[in-house]
Amino acid sequence: MSDYNFRPLASLDDVEPLRAARVETLAAPPELFIEQFVGRSAVYAIECDGVIGYLTDLDGTLTELFVVPEHRTHVDAVLKLATESLGLKYAWASTLDPIALAACTCVSSEFSVVGFQFRTLHAVTLPTPDPLPVERIADLSDVDRVRAANHPEVFDEPTDIPIWLENGWVTLFELSDDVAGFGLCTPAGPHTRGADIGIRVCDSHQRRGLGAWIVQRMASLAQSKGLIPTAGCGLENTVSRRTLERAGFVADHRLLRFNL
């Protein structure tokens, strides 16, 4: 085995070709939830007679790992060295990411399931809501309406709402008297056709089947743009899981957290 070094980089832009190559190795489109953490992570080039991969580290947690084919025999050794050199304590790995998963399972046998990743969508017929909400793409003039309808499990940082509105990623579902809820259709990241589906049904309109119906509307919106609908939820979020499954989604992957 050769020696590997970890060189700090300025940003993810420095490893864009490698990130594109990583997406090609995934069993399904990547997770928006992880992409957001990766964007806030420190970036390191993995070097061995040149750059042979990269990793990202957020406060001692490995958030992304990629090694080119010629060095994958030693990917577990790379992670062990990175753990020692960078002081990594934890690692996130998805069952849809074979390279990171292989490294993590060799380095550690202690892990927990963090969440469900939905990557298969079956056609399911749902009742049409009565009354039927009017749907429209929200814009910046709707910031207050979305903020009032929001729940922390959707936008945990309300300051993110204008960004989503400006990009056209929020659809409002309105009745004559108020907002029934909203849906999100967010590109999962660069180099992928995945689009993350999220929803919020306002408290006064819950338990009417509206949530699953909005999921299907947002999935259709993604497909109309040539994107692949994806979704995810935390392990304990049984309500979201039931809603997604009612809409036809299958939780065929898991997000895992390893103790290093």
C-alpha atoms as a PDB file:
ATOM      1  CA  MET A   1       0.000   0.000   0.000  1.00  0.00           C
ATOM      2  CA  SER A   2       1.260   3.479  -0.893  1.00  0.00           C
ATOM      3  CA  ASP A   3       1.247   6.483   1.417  1.00  0.00           C
ATOM      4  CA  TYR A   4      -1.716   8.820   1.145  1.00  0.00           C
ATOM      5  CA  ASN A   5      -1.787  12.503   2.021  1.00  0.00           C
ATOM      6  CA  PHE A   6      -4.721  14.839   2.613  1.00  0.00           C
ATOM      7  CA  ARG A   7      -4.302  18.357   1.251  1.00  0.00           C
ATOM      8  CA  PRO A   8      -6.810  21.094   2.179  1.00  0.00           C
ATOM      9  CA  LEU A   9      -8.615  22.699  -0.751  1.00  0.00           C
ATOM     10  CA  ALA A  10     -10.397  26.012  -1.063  1.00  0.00           C
ATOM     11  CA  SER A  11     -13.809  24.654  -2.057  1.00  0.00           C
ATOM     12  CA  LEU A  12     -15.752  21.878  -3.754  1.00  0.00           C
ATOM     13  CA  ASP A  13     -15.075  23.605  -7.071  1.00  0.00           C
ATOM     14  CA  ASP A  14     -11.560  22.166  -6.878  1.00  0.00           C
ATOM     15  CA  VAL A  15     -12.904  18.599  -7.091  1.00  0.00           C
ATOM     16  CA  GLU A  16     -15.840  19.057  -9.483  1.00  0.00           C
ATOM     17  CA  PRO A  17     -14.609  16.432 -12.012  1.00  0.00           C
ATOM     18  CA  LEU A  18     -14.163  13.916  -9.197  1.00  0.00           C
ATOM     19  CA  ARG A  19     -17.600  14.704  -7.791  1.00  0.00           C
ATOM     20  CA  ALA A  20     -19.100  14.072 -11.211  1.00  0.00           C
ATOM     21  CA  ALA A  21     -17.262  10.734 -11.378  1.00  0.00           C
ATOM     22  CA  ARG A  22     -18.556   9.843  -7.902  1.00  0.00           C
ATOM     23  CA  VAL A  23     -22.189  10.315  -8.940  1.00  0.00           C
ATOM     24  CA  GLU A  24     -21.634   7.772 -11.714  1.00  0.00           C
ATOM     25  CA  THR A  25     -20.748   5.151  -9.077  1.00  0.00           C
ATOM     26  CA  LEU A  26     -23.923   5.640  -7.015  1.00  0.00           C
ATOM     27  CA  ALA A  27     -26.745   3.126  -7.162  1.00  0.00           C
ATOM     28  CA  ALA A  28     -29.290   5.977  -7.146  1.00  0.00           C
ATOM     29  CA  PRO A  29     -29.313   9.804  -7.105  1.00  0.00           C
ATOM     30  CA  PRO A  30     -27.591  11.378  -4.081  1.00  0.00           C
ATOM     31  CA  GLU A  31     -29.290  12.791  -1.008  1.00  0.00           C
ATOM     32  CA  LEU A  32     -30.075  16.522  -0.849  1.00  0.00           C
ATOM     33  CA  PHE A  33     -29.858  16.355   2.953  1.00  0.00           C
ATOM     34  CA  ILE A  34     -26.219  15.240   2.722  1.00  0.00           C
ATOM     35  CA  GLU A  35     -25.440  17.626  -0.145  1.00  0.00           C
ATOM     36  CA  GLN A  36     -26.324  20.549   2.104  1.00  0.00           C
ATOM     37  CA  PHE A  37     -23.889  19.375   4.781  1.00  0.00           C
ATOM     38  CA  VAL A  38     -21.195  18.657   2.200  1.00  0.00           C
ATOM     39  CA  GLY A  39     -21.510  22.261   1.033  1.00  0.00           C
ATOM     40  CA  ARG A  40     -20.492  23.409   4.517  1.00  0.00           C
ATOM     41  CA  SER A  41     -17.663  20.884   4.899  1.00  0.00           C
ATOM     42  CA  ALA A  42     -13.896  21.274   4.634  1.00  0.00           C
ATOM     43  CA  VAL A  43     -12.570  19.699   1.421  1.00  0.00           C
ATOM     44  CA  TYR A  44      -9.393  17.610   1.126  1.00  0.00           C
ATOM     45  CA  ALA A  45      -7.660  16.201  -1.922  1.00  0.00           C
ATOM     46  CA  ILE A  46      -6.458  12.633  -1.381  1.00  0.00           C
ATOM     47  CA  GLU A  47      -2.982  12.431  -2.896  1.00  0.00           C
ATOM     48  CA  CYS A  48      -0.702   9.567  -3.883  1.00  0.00           C
ATOM     49  CA  ASP A  49       1.590  10.579  -6.759  1.00  0.00           C
ATOM     50  CA  GLY A  50      -1.160  12.979  -7.757  1.00  0.00           C
ATOM     51  CA  VAL A  51      -4.777  13.505  -6.749  1.00  0.00           C
ATOM     52  CA  ILE A  52      -6.591  10.146  -6.540  1.00  0.00           C
ATOM     53  CA  GLY A  53      -9.748  11.235  -4.734  1.00  0.00           C
ATOM     54  CA  TYR A  54     -11.219  13.596  -2.190  1.00  0.00           C
ATOM     55  CA  LEU A  55     -13.129  13.688   1.061  1.00  0.00           C
ATOM     56  CA  THR A  56     -15.189  16.234   2.961  1.00  0.00           C
ATOM     57  CA  ASP A  57     -15.178  16.768   6.713  1.00  0.00           C
ATOM     58  CA  LEU A  58     -17.715  18.687   8.782  1.00  0.00           C
ATOM     59  CA  ASP A  59     -16.544  19.143  12.372  1.00  0.00           C
ATOM     60  CA  GLY A  60     -15.056  15.660  12.605  1.00  0.00           C
ATOM     61  CA  THR A  61     -17.716  13.867  10.524  1.00  0.00           C
ATOM     62  CA  LEU A  62     -16.870  12.434   7.108  1.00  0.00           C
ATOM     63  CA  THR A  63     -19.658  13.615   4.791  1.00  0.00           C
ATOM     64  CA  GLU A  64     -18.346  12.434   1.411  1.00  0.00           C
ATOM     65  CA  LEU A  65     -15.571  10.134   0.169  1.00  0.00           C
ATOM     66  CA  PHE A  66     -14.432   9.210  -3.324  1.00  0.00           C
ATOM     67  CA  VAL A  67     -11.375   7.338  -4.641  1.00  0.00           C
ATOM     68  CA  VAL A  68     -10.575   6.580  -8.290  1.00  0.00           C
ATOM     69  CA  PRO A  69     -10.787   2.920  -9.417  1.00  0.00           C
ATOM     70  CA  GLU A  70      -7.025   2.312  -9.352  1.00  0.00           C
ATOM     71  CA  HIS A  71      -6.930   2.925  -5.588  1.00  0.00           C
ATOM     72  CA  ARG A  72     -10.214   1.392  -4.403  1.00  0.00           C
ATOM     73  CA  THR A  73      -8.463  -1.746  -3.190  1.00  0.00           C
ATOM     74  CA  HIS A  74      -7.085   0.449  -0.421  1.00  0.00           C
ATOM     75  CA  VAL A  75     -10.142   2.621   0.245  1.00  0.00           C
ATOM     76  CA  ASP A  76     -10.431   1.254   3.793  1.00  0.00           C
ATOM     77  CA  ALA A  77      -6.775   2.144   4.431  1.00  0.00           C
ATOM     78  CA  VAL A  78      -7.414   5.632   3.032  1.00  0.00           C
ATOM     79  CA  LEU A  79     -10.248   6.128   5.518  1.00  0.00           C
ATOM     80  CA  LYS A  80      -8.144   4.807   8.414  1.00  0.00           C
ATOM     81  CA  LEU A  81      -5.354   7.242   7.564  1.00  0.00           C
ATOM     82  CA  ALA A  82      -7.823  10.103   7.172  1.00  0.00           C
ATOM     83  CA  THR A  83      -9.323   9.271  10.550  1.00  0.00           C
ATOM     84  CA  GLU A  84      -5.891   9.485  12.168  1.00  0.00           C
ATOM     85  CA  SER A  85      -4.646  12.508  10.204  1.00  0.00           C
ATOM     86  CA  LEU A  86      -7.787  14.650  10.354  1.00  0.00           C
ATOM     87  CA  GLY A  87      -9.276  13.487  13.640  1.00  0.00           C
ATOM     88  CA  LEU A  88     -12.449  12.097  12.125  1.00  0.00           C
ATOM     89  CA  LYS A  89     -14.848  10.694  14.709  1.00  0.00           C
ATOM     90  CA  TYR A  90     -17.889   9.792  12.620  1.00  0.00           C
ATOM     91  CA  ALA A  91     -18.805   9.066   9.017  1.00  0.00           C
ATOM     92  CA  TRP A  92     -22.014   9.194   7.038  1.00  0.00           C
ATOM     93  CA  ALA A  93     -22.452   6.568   4.355  1.00  0.00           C
ATOM     94  CA  SER A  94     -25.478   5.611   2.337  1.00  0.00           C
ATOM     95  CA  THR A  95     -26.362   2.161   1.090  1.00  0.00           C
ATOM     96  CA  LEU A  96     -26.555   3.747  -2.370  1.00  0.00           C
ATOM     97  CA  ASP A  97     -22.847   4.759  -2.159  1.00  0.00           C
ATOM     98  CA  PRO A  98     -20.741   1.571  -2.526  1.00  0.00           C
ATOM     99  CA  ILE A  99     -17.320   3.230  -2.156  1.00  0.00           C
ATOM    100  CA  ALA A 100     -17.995   5.065   1.116  1.00  0.00           C
ATOM    101  CA  LEU A 101     -19.992   2.126   2.467  1.00  0.00           C
ATOM    102  CA  ALA A 102     -17.170  -0.331   1.724  1.00  0.00           C
ATOM    103  CA  ALA A 103     -14.639   1.867   3.510  1.00  0.00           C
ATOM    104  CA  CYS A 104     -16.840   2.501   6.546  1.00  0.00           C
ATOM    105  CA  THR A 105     -17.827  -1.128   7.067  1.00  0.00           C
ATOM    106  CA  CYS A 106     -14.145  -2.155   7.035  1.00  0.00           C
ATOM    107  CA  VAL A 107     -13.056   0.570   9.433  1.00  0.00           C
ATOM    108  CA  SER A 108     -15.950   0.315  11.891  1.00  0.00           C
ATOM    109  CA  SER A 109     -18.644  -2.168  12.867  1.00  0.00           C
ATOM    110  CA  GLU A 110     -20.475   0.373  15.034  1.00  0.00           C
ATOM    111  CA  PHE A 111     -23.196   2.175  13.151  1.00  0.00           C
ATOM    112  CA  SER A 112     -26.754   3.399  13.444  1.00  0.00           C
ATOM    113  CA  VAL A 113     -29.464   4.074  10.894  1.00  0.00           C
ATOM    114  CA  VAL A 114     -30.064   7.811  10.545  1.00  0.00           C
ATOM    115  CA  GLY A 115     -32.811   7.843   7.957  1.00  0.00           C
ATOM    116  CA  PHE A 116     -34.702   6.329   5.050  1.00  0.00           C
ATOM    117  CA  GLN A 117     -33.899   7.151   1.432  1.00  0.00           C
ATOM    118  CA  PHE A 118     -36.714   6.754  -1.091  1.00  0.00           C
ATOM    119  CA  ARG A 119     -35.455   6.082  -4.611  1.00  0.00           C
ATOM    120  CA  THR A 120     -38.260   4.034  -6.210  1.00  0.00           C
ATOM    121  CA  LEU A 121     -41.646   5.509  -7.079  1.00  0.00           C
ATOM    122  CA  HIS A 122     -44.590   3.326  -8.100  1.00  0.00           C
ATOM    123  CA  ALA A 123     -47.723   4.648  -9.783  1.00  0.00           C
ATOM    124  CA  VAL A 124     -50.443   4.794  -7.140  1.00  0.00           C
ATOM    125  CA  THR A 125     -53.925   6.250  -7.605  1.00  0.00           C
ATOM    126  CA  LEU A 126     -55.061   8.542  -4.790  1.00  0.00           C
ATOM    127  CA  PRO A 127     -58.426  10.224  -4.211  1.00  0.00           C
ATOM    128  CA  THR A 128     -58.640  13.792  -5.467  1.00  0.00           C
ATOM    129  CA  PRO A 129     -58.862  16.201  -2.502  1.00  0.00           C
ATOM    130  CA  ASP A 130     -62.214  17.874  -1.921  1.00  0.00           C
ATOM    131  CA  PRO A 131     -62.053  20.824  -1.995  1.00  0.00           C
ATOM    132  CA  LEU A 132     -59.271  20.793  -4.563  1.00  0.00           C
ATOM    133  CA  PRO A 133     -56.435  23.235  -3.786  1.00  0.00           C
ATOM    134  CA  VAL A 134     -55.161  25.603  -6.439  1.00  0.00           C
ATOM    135  CA  GLU A 135     -51.461  25.114  -7.027  1.00  0.00           C
ATOM    136  CA  ARG A 136     -48.956  27.681  -8.263  1.00  0.00           C
ATOM    137  CA  ILE A 137     -45.221  28.246  -8.186  1.00  0.00           C
ATOM    138  CA  ALA A 138     -44.444  30.596  -5.301  1.00  0.00           C
ATOM    139  CA  ASP A 139     -42.297  33.695  -5.777  1.00  0.00           C
ATOM    140  CA  LEU A 140     -40.535  36.152  -3.499  1.00  0.00           C
ATOM    141  CA  SER A 141     -43.799  37.939  -2.725  1.00  0.00           C
ATOM    142  CA  ASP A 142     -44.904  34.748  -0.928  1.00  0.00           C
ATOM    143  CA  VAL A 143     -42.133  34.719   1.690  1.00  0.00           C
ATOM    144  CA  ASP A 144     -44.466  35.566   4.574  1.00  0.00           C
ATOM    145  CA  ARG A 145     -47.066  33.011   3.505  1.00  0.00           C
ATOM    146  CA  VAL A 146     -44.523  30.207   3.257  1.00  0.00           C
ATOM    147  CA  ARG A 147     -42.909  31.247   6.537  1.00  0.00           C
ATOM    148  CA  ALA A 148     -46.307  31.187   8.287  1.00  0.00           C
ATOM    149  CA  ALA A 149     -47.047  27.706   6.902  1.00  0.00           C
ATOM    150  CA  ASN A 150     -43.545  26.347   7.585  1.00  0.00           C
ATOM    151  CA  HIS A 151     -42.530  23.679  10.078  1.00  0.00           C
ATOM    152  CA  PRO A 152     -38.927  23.249  11.335  1.00  0.00           C
ATOM    153  CA  GLU A 153     -38.793  19.769   9.800  1.00  0.00           C
ATOM    154  CA  VAL A 154     -39.116  21.439   6.376  1.00  0.00           C
ATOM    155  CA  PHE A 155     -37.155  24.697   6.619  1.00  0.00           C
ATOM    156  CA  ASP A 156     -35.156  24.500   9.828  1.00  0.00           C
ATOM    157  CA  GLU A 157     -33.595  27.827   8.792  1.00  0.00           C
ATOM    158  CA  PRO A 158     -36.379  30.243   7.726  1.00  0.00           C
ATOM    159  CA  THR A 159     -33.693  32.399   6.122  1.00  0.00           C
ATOM    160  CA  ASP A 160     -33.441  29.684   3.430  1.00  0.00           C
ATOM    161  CA  ILE A 161     -37.016  30.299   2.277  1.00  0.00           C
ATOM    162  CA  PRO A 162     -36.239  33.252  -0.052  1.00  0.00           C
ATOM    163  CA  ILE A 163     -33.506  31.183  -1.751  1.00  0.00           C
ATOM    164  CA  TRP A 164     -35.966  28.380  -2.536  1.00  0.00           C
ATOM    165  CA  LEU A 165     -38.582  30.884  -3.725  1.00  0.00           C
ATOM    166  CA  GLU A 166     -36.129  32.727  -5.943  1.00  0.00           C
ATOM    167  CA  ASN A 167     -35.194  29.449  -7.647  1.00  0.00           C
ATOM    168  CA  GLY A 168     -38.817  28.418  -8.186  1.00  0.00           C
ATOM    169  CA  TRP A 169     -38.509  25.310  -5.994  1.00  0.00           C
ATOM    170  CA  VAL A 170     -41.668  25.952  -3.905  1.00  0.00           C
ATOM    171  CA  THR A 171     -45.246  25.260  -5.007  1.00  0.00           C
ATOM    172  CA  LEU A 172     -48.114  26.698  -2.970  1.00  0.00           C
ATOM    173  CA  PHE A 173     -51.405  24.804  -2.561  1.00  0.00           C
ATOM    174  CA  GLU A 174     -54.168  27.275  -1.736  1.00  0.00           C
ATOM    175  CA  LEU A 175     -57.834  27.099  -0.842  1.00  0.00           C
ATOM    176  CA  SER A 176     -60.248  30.025  -0.900  1.00  0.00           C
ATOM    177  CA  ASP A 177     -59.590  30.970   2.715  1.00  0.00           C
ATOM    178  CA  ASP A 178     -55.909  30.141   3.316  1.00  0.00           C
ATOM    179  CA  VAL A 179     -52.792  28.153   2.392  1.00  0.00           C
ATOM    180  CA  ALA A 180     -53.361  24.399   2.698  1.00  0.00           C
ATOM    181  CA  GLY A 181     -49.673  23.595   2.349  1.00  0.00           C
ATOM    182  CA  PHE A 182     -46.687  23.738   0.068  1.00  0.00           C
ATOM    183  CA  GLY A 183     -44.400  21.363  -1.783  1.00  0.00           C
ATOM    184  CA  LEU A 184     -40.706  21.433  -2.625  1.00  0.00           C
ATOM    185  CA  CYS A 185     -38.998  20.148  -5.750  1.00  0.00           C
ATOM    186  CA  THR A 186     -35.293  20.825  -5.223  1.00  0.00           C
ATOM    187  CA  PRO A 187     -32.395  19.707  -7.456  1.00  0.00           C
ATOM    188  CA  ALA A 188     -30.364  17.245  -5.368  1.00  0.00           C
ATOM    189  CA  GLY A 189     -26.991  18.537  -6.496  1.00  0.00           C
ATOM    190  CA  PRO A 190     -24.605  18.957  -9.406  1.00  0.00           C
ATOM    191  CA  HIS A 191     -24.112  16.195 -11.963  1.00  0.00           C
ATOM    192  CA  THR A 192     -27.383  14.427 -11.064  1.00  0.00           C
ATOM    193  CA  ARG A 193     -30.958  14.402 -12.353  1.00  0.00           C
ATOM    194  CA  GLY A 194     -32.310  13.737  -8.875  1.00  0.00           C
ATOM    195  CA  ALA A 195     -34.837  16.166  -7.402  1.00  0.00           C
ATOM    196  CA  ASP A 196     -35.696  16.025  -3.703  1.00  0.00           C
ATOM    197  CA  ILE A 197     -39.418  16.107  -2.891  1.00  0.00           C
ATOM    198  CA  GLY A 198     -40.590  17.721   0.331  1.00  0.00           C
ATOM    199  CA  ILE A 199     -43.980  18.822   1.605  1.00  0.00           C
ATOM    200  CA  ARG A 200     -45.710  20.698   4.385  1.00  0.00           C
ATOM    201  CA  VAL A 201     -49.444  20.420   5.110  1.00  0.00           C
ATOM    202  CA  CYS A 202     -50.745  23.096   7.461  1.00  0.00           C
ATOM    203  CA  ASP A 203     -52.138  21.798  10.752  1.00  0.00           C
ATOM    204  CA  SER A 204     -55.764  22.658   9.988  1.00  0.00           C
ATOM    205  CA  HIS A 205     -55.661  20.635   6.743  1.00  0.00           C
ATOM    206  CA  GLN A 206     -53.968  17.467   7.974  1.00  0.00           C
ATOM    207  CA  ARG A 207     -55.499  13.971   8.152  1.00  0.00           C
ATOM    208  CA  ARG A 208     -57.302  14.417   4.833  1.00  0.00           C
ATOM    209  CA  GLY A 209     -54.810  12.600   2.607  1.00  0.00           C
ATOM    210  CA  LEU A 210     -53.555  15.904   1.260  1.00  0.00           C
ATOM    211  CA  GLY A 211     -49.916  15.146   2.072  1.00  0.00           C
ATOM    212  CA  ALA A 212     -49.573  12.094  -0.166  1.00  0.00           C
ATOM    213  CA  TRP A 213     -51.449  13.901  -2.933  1.00  0.00           C
ATOM    214  CA  ILE A 214     -48.997  16.851  -2.763  1.00  0.00           C
ATOM    215  CA  VAL A 215     -46.084  14.385  -2.854  1.00  0.00           C
ATOM    216  CA  GLN A 216     -47.459  12.991  -6.107  1.00  0.00           C
ATOM    217  CA  ARG A 217     -47.967  16.480  -7.554  1.00  0.00           C
ATOM    218  CA  MET A 218     -44.361  17.398  -6.771  1.00  0.00           C
ATOM    219  CA  ALA A 219     -43.076  14.108  -8.166  1.00  0.00           C
ATOM    220  CA  SER A 220     -44.991  14.816 -11.380  1.00  0.00           C
ATOM    221  CA  LEU A 221     -43.462  18.285 -11.497  1.00  0.00           C
ATOM    222  CA  ALA A 222     -39.965  16.799 -11.207  1.00  0.00           C
ATOM    223  CA  GLN A 223     -40.682  14.292 -13.964  1.00  0.00           C
ATOM    224  CA  SER A 224     -42.048  17.036 -16.228  1.00  0.00           C
ATOM    225  CA  LYS A 225     -38.626  18.688 -15.966  1.00  0.00           C
ATOM    226  CA  GLY A 226     -36.819  15.478 -16.862  1.00  0.00           C
ATOM    227  CA  LEU A 227     -35.736  14.915 -13.247  1.00  0.00           C
ATOM    228  CA  ILE A 228     -35.917  11.829 -11.024  1.00  0.00           C
ATOM    229  CA  PRO A 229     -38.092  12.297  -7.900  1.00  0.00           C
ATOM    230  CA  THR A 230     -36.327  11.318  -4.671  1.00  0.00           C
ATOM    231  CA  ALA A 231     -37.176  11.765  -1.008  1.00  0.00           C
ATOM    232  CA  GLY A 232     -35.858  11.076   2.455  1.00  0.00           C
ATOM    233  CA  CYS A 233     -36.879  11.237   6.099  1.00  0.00           C
ATOM    234  CA  GLY A 234     -35.406  10.621   9.531  1.00  0.00           C
ATOM    235  CA  LEU A 235     -35.636   7.233  11.187  1.00  0.00           C
ATOM    236  CA  GLU A 236     -38.123   8.421  13.790  1.00  0.00           C
ATOM    237  CA  ASN A 237     -40.316  10.371  11.353  1.00  0.00           C
ATOM    238  CA  THR A 238     -42.983   7.713  10.908  1.00  0.00           C
ATOM    239  CA  VAL A 239     -45.575  10.228   9.672  1.00  0.00           C
ATOM    240  CA  SER A 240     -43.399  11.317   6.753  1.00  0.00           C
ATOM    241  CA  ARG A 241     -42.519   7.727   5.932  1.00  0.00           C
ATOM    242  CA  ARG A 242     -46.185   6.680   5.831  1.00  0.00           C
ATOM    243  CA  THR A 243     -47.047   9.688   3.681  1.00  0.00           C
ATOM    244  CA  LEU A 244     -44.297   8.967   1.162  1.00  0.00           C
ATOM    245  CA  GLU A 245     -45.198   5.284   1.000  1.00  0.00           C
ATOM    246  CA  ARG A 246     -48.874   6.137   0.512  1.00  0.00           C
ATOM    247  CA  ALA A 247     -47.820   8.249  -2.468  1.00  0.00           C
ATOM    248  CA  GLY A 248     -45.972   5.280  -4.000  1.00  0.00           C
ATOM    249  CA  PHE A 249     -42.397   5.841  -2.804  1.00  0.00           C
ATOM    250  CA  VAL A 250     -40.297   2.900  -1.576  1.00  0.00           C
ATOM    251  CA  ALA A 251     -37.588   3.341   1.082  1.00  0.00           C
ATOM    252  CA  ASP A 252     -35.058   1.132  -0.684  1.00  0.00           C
ATOM    253  CA  HIS A 253     -31.915   2.728   0.814  1.00  0.00           C
ATOM    254  CA  ARG A 254     -30.673   3.827   4.239  1.00  0.00           C
ATOM    255  CA  LEU A 255     -28.423   6.584   5.514  1.00  0.00           C
ATOM    256  CA  LEU A 256     -25.981   5.235   8.119  1.00  0.00           C
ATOM    257  CA  ARG A 257     -23.779   6.934  10.719  1.00  0.00           C
ATOM    258  CA  PHE A 258     -20.578   5.125  11.663  1.00  0.00           C
ATOM    259  CA  ASN A 259     -18.493   5.602  14.793  1.00  0.00           C
ATOM    260  CA  LEU A 260     -14.872   5.761  13.726  1.00  0.00           C
END
